[in-house]
């Protein structure tokens, strides 16, 4: 499966933003899907993951990951954004049975989309 992330940009603190991850060459319903982010000088950390049979999950109080199987797309809705949310955001597809926090366990990655939150 190939993944294409989009939707990043420059926003102000308190704004909302929705990222998209369009898949091709495979069906997202066959994968664990996840969003990670990586800030400058830091490790790539998981924000949220969603199992194959689940449509929407809230995470960390401000984020919602969801999947639209008809569009073969996964979304990350981000609310009440803070400057510390500034990072490159990546979507990933995993072939395992569990939502893993370890990036190495994901088989496919989108190219990343930059989110910058100004104060």
C-alpha atoms as a PDB file:
ATOM      1  CA  UNK A   1       0.000   0.000   0.000  1.00  0.00           C
ATOM      2  CA  UNK A   2       1.157   3.547  -0.748  1.00  0.00           C
ATOM      3  CA  UNK A   3       0.131   6.448   1.483  1.00  0.00           C
ATOM      4  CA  UNK A   4      -0.152  10.144   0.677  1.00  0.00           C
ATOM      5  CA  UNK A   5      -0.524  12.546   3.595  1.00  0.00           C
ATOM      6  CA  UNK A   6      -1.860  16.060   3.178  1.00  0.00           C
ATOM      7  CA  UNK A   7      -3.557  18.900   5.013  1.00  0.00           C
ATOM      8  CA  UNK A   8      -0.717  20.411   6.994  1.00  0.00           C
ATOM      9  CA  UNK A   9      -0.039  24.118   7.182  1.00  0.00           C
ATOM     10  CA  UNK A  10       0.450  27.140   9.377  1.00  0.00           C
ATOM     11  CA  UNK A  11      -2.258  27.759  11.961  1.00  0.00           C
ATOM     12  CA  UNK A  12      -2.656  29.741  15.154  1.00  0.00           C
ATOM     13  CA  UNK A  13      -2.892  28.342  18.646  1.00  0.00           C
ATOM     14  CA  UNK A  14      -6.439  27.223  19.363  1.00  0.00           C
ATOM     15  CA  UNK A  15      -7.246  26.443  15.741  1.00  0.00           C
ATOM     16  CA  UNK A  16      -8.310  23.084  14.350  1.00  0.00           C
ATOM     17  CA  UNK A  17      -6.853  21.196  11.408  1.00  0.00           C
ATOM     18  CA  UNK A  18      -7.697  17.953   9.648  1.00  0.00           C
ATOM     19  CA  UNK A  19      -5.015  15.842   8.053  1.00  0.00           C
ATOM     20  CA  UNK A  20      -5.772  13.269   5.385  1.00  0.00           C
ATOM     21  CA  UNK A  21      -3.973  10.098   4.395  1.00  0.00           C
ATOM     22  CA  UNK A  22      -5.069   8.669   1.059  1.00  0.00           C
ATOM     23  CA  UNK A  23      -4.128   5.078   0.306  1.00  0.00           C
ATOM     24  CA  UNK A  24      -3.544   3.401  -3.034  1.00  0.00           C
ATOM     25  CA  UNK A  25      -2.438  -0.068  -4.032  1.00  0.00           C
ATOM     26  CA  UNK A  26      -4.199  -1.540  -1.026  1.00  0.00           C
ATOM     27  CA  UNK A  27      -7.288  -1.271   1.135  1.00  0.00           C
ATOM     28  CA  UNK A  28      -6.944   0.519   4.458  1.00  0.00           C
ATOM     29  CA  UNK A  29      -9.424  -1.824   6.059  1.00  0.00           C
ATOM     30  CA  UNK A  30      -6.754  -4.529   5.820  1.00  0.00           C
ATOM     31  CA  UNK A  31      -4.355  -2.540   8.001  1.00  0.00           C
ATOM     32  CA  UNK A  32      -3.891  -1.051  11.396  1.00  0.00           C
ATOM     33  CA  UNK A  33      -3.635   2.675  10.602  1.00  0.00           C
ATOM     34  CA  UNK A  34      -1.832   5.231  12.725  1.00  0.00           C
ATOM     35  CA  UNK A  35      -0.641   8.811  12.842  1.00  0.00           C
ATOM     36  CA  UNK A  36       2.794   9.702  14.182  1.00  0.00           C
ATOM     37  CA  UNK A  37       4.538  13.008  14.528  1.00  0.00           C
ATOM     38  CA  UNK A  38       8.141  14.080  14.742  1.00  0.00           C
ATOM     39  CA  UNK A  39       9.249  17.441  16.052  1.00  0.00           C
ATOM     40  CA  UNK A  40      12.730  18.787  15.221  1.00  0.00           C
ATOM     41  CA  UNK A  41      15.393  16.934  17.176  1.00  0.00           C
ATOM     42  CA  UNK A  42      12.906  14.490  18.658  1.00  0.00           C
ATOM     43  CA  UNK A  43      11.847  10.912  18.041  1.00  0.00           C
ATOM     44  CA  UNK A  44       8.838   9.913  15.983  1.00  0.00           C
ATOM     45  CA  UNK A  45       5.958   9.375  18.408  1.00  0.00           C
ATOM     46  CA  UNK A  46       2.561   7.841  17.885  1.00  0.00           C
ATOM     47  CA  UNK A  47      -0.473  10.097  18.269  1.00  0.00           C
ATOM     48  CA  UNK A  48      -3.241   7.607  17.656  1.00  0.00           C
ATOM     49  CA  UNK A  49      -3.979   4.312  15.976  1.00  0.00           C
ATOM     50  CA  UNK A  50      -7.136   2.693  14.718  1.00  0.00           C
ATOM     51  CA  UNK A  51      -7.892  -0.983  14.379  1.00  0.00           C
ATOM     52  CA  UNK A  52      -9.241  -2.574  11.238  1.00  0.00           C
ATOM     53  CA  UNK A  53     -12.842  -2.828  12.369  1.00  0.00           C
ATOM     54  CA  UNK A  54     -13.038   0.578  14.060  1.00  0.00           C
ATOM     55  CA  UNK A  55     -14.191   3.777  12.361  1.00  0.00           C
ATOM     56  CA  UNK A  56     -13.282   6.511  14.828  1.00  0.00           C
ATOM     57  CA  UNK A  57     -11.160   6.851  17.972  1.00  0.00           C
ATOM     58  CA  UNK A  58     -10.439   9.821  20.198  1.00  0.00           C
ATOM     59  CA  UNK A  59      -6.919  10.239  21.469  1.00  0.00           C
ATOM     60  CA  UNK A  60      -5.122  12.493  23.892  1.00  0.00           C
ATOM     61  CA  UNK A  61      -8.253  14.564  24.442  1.00  0.00           C
ATOM     62  CA  UNK A  62      -7.770  16.743  21.356  1.00  0.00           C
ATOM     63  CA  UNK A  63      -7.273  14.352  18.467  1.00  0.00           C
ATOM     64  CA  UNK A  64      -9.618  12.062  16.565  1.00  0.00           C
ATOM     65  CA  UNK A  65      -8.431   9.424  14.136  1.00  0.00           C
ATOM     66  CA  UNK A  66     -11.003   8.048  11.743  1.00  0.00           C
ATOM     67  CA  UNK A  67     -11.164   5.980   8.608  1.00  0.00           C
ATOM     68  CA  UNK A  68     -13.421   6.263   5.559  1.00  0.00           C
ATOM     69  CA  UNK A  69     -13.223   2.895   3.865  1.00  0.00           C
ATOM     70  CA  UNK A  70     -15.224   4.073   0.848  1.00  0.00           C
ATOM     71  CA  UNK A  71     -12.616   6.773   0.173  1.00  0.00           C
ATOM     72  CA  UNK A  72      -9.728   4.551   1.311  1.00  0.00           C
ATOM     73  CA  UNK A  73      -8.601   7.450   3.466  1.00  0.00           C
ATOM     74  CA  UNK A  74      -7.655   7.962   7.107  1.00  0.00           C
ATOM     75  CA  UNK A  75      -8.035  11.300   8.837  1.00  0.00           C
ATOM     76  CA  UNK A  76      -6.587  13.015  11.877  1.00  0.00           C
ATOM     77  CA  UNK A  77      -8.763  15.769  13.281  1.00  0.00           C
ATOM     78  CA  UNK A  78      -6.718  18.012  15.565  1.00  0.00           C
ATOM     79  CA  UNK A  79      -8.442  20.516  17.837  1.00  0.00           C
ATOM     80  CA  UNK A  80      -7.235  23.245  20.194  1.00  0.00           C
ATOM     81  CA  UNK A  81      -3.810  23.179  18.638  1.00  0.00           C
ATOM     82  CA  UNK A  82      -0.818  24.324  20.667  1.00  0.00           C
ATOM     83  CA  UNK A  83       2.639  25.520  19.578  1.00  0.00           C
ATOM     84  CA  UNK A  84       4.072  22.273  20.951  1.00  0.00           C
ATOM     85  CA  UNK A  85       2.018  20.391  18.350  1.00  0.00           C
ATOM     86  CA  UNK A  86       4.361  21.773  15.692  1.00  0.00           C
ATOM     87  CA  UNK A  87       5.866  18.772  13.897  1.00  0.00           C
ATOM     88  CA  UNK A  88       5.884  16.735  10.723  1.00  0.00           C
ATOM     89  CA  UNK A  89       2.918  14.384  10.819  1.00  0.00           C
ATOM     90  CA  UNK A  90       3.083  10.938   9.240  1.00  0.00           C
ATOM     91  CA  UNK A  91       0.449   8.324   8.560  1.00  0.00           C
ATOM     92  CA  UNK A  92       1.403   4.671   8.669  1.00  0.00           C
ATOM     93  CA  UNK A  93      -0.086   1.271   7.869  1.00  0.00           C
ATOM     94  CA  UNK A  94       0.644  -1.769   9.966  1.00  0.00           C
ATOM     95  CA  UNK A  95       0.127  -5.438   9.147  1.00  0.00           C
ATOM     96  CA  UNK A  96       0.133  -6.663  12.722  1.00  0.00           C
ATOM     97  CA  UNK A  97      -2.742  -7.393  15.033  1.00  0.00           C
ATOM     98  CA  UNK A  98      -2.089  -4.599  17.520  1.00  0.00           C
ATOM     99  CA  UNK A  99      -1.669  -0.850  17.426  1.00  0.00           C
ATOM    100  CA  UNK A 100       2.050  -0.594  18.014  1.00  0.00           C
ATOM    101  CA  UNK A 101       3.811   2.543  19.221  1.00  0.00           C
ATOM    102  CA  UNK A 102       7.075   1.478  17.615  1.00  0.00           C
ATOM    103  CA  UNK A 103       7.543   2.997  14.150  1.00  0.00           C
ATOM    104  CA  UNK A 104       9.606   0.021  12.950  1.00  0.00           C
ATOM    105  CA  UNK A 105       6.517  -2.197  13.179  1.00  0.00           C
ATOM    106  CA  UNK A 106       4.691  -0.282  10.437  1.00  0.00           C
ATOM    107  CA  UNK A 107       5.110  -1.466   6.872  1.00  0.00           C
ATOM    108  CA  UNK A 108       4.171   1.655   4.930  1.00  0.00           C
ATOM    109  CA  UNK A 109       4.490   5.382   5.515  1.00  0.00           C
ATOM    110  CA  UNK A 110       3.204   8.541   3.971  1.00  0.00           C
ATOM    111  CA  UNK A 111       5.688  11.259   3.103  1.00  0.00           C
ATOM    112  CA  UNK A 112       4.789  13.519   6.030  1.00  0.00           C
ATOM    113  CA  UNK A 113       2.973  16.822   6.201  1.00  0.00           C
ATOM    114  CA  UNK A 114       4.224  19.784   8.217  1.00  0.00           C
ATOM    115  CA  UNK A 115       1.999  21.386  10.828  1.00  0.00           C
ATOM    116  CA  UNK A 116       3.190  24.669  12.321  1.00  0.00           C
ATOM    117  CA  UNK A 117       1.254  26.225  15.191  1.00  0.00           C
ATOM    118  CA  UNK A 118       2.035  29.829  16.009  1.00  0.00           C
ATOM    119  CA  UNK A 119       1.397  31.345  19.431  1.00  0.00           C
END
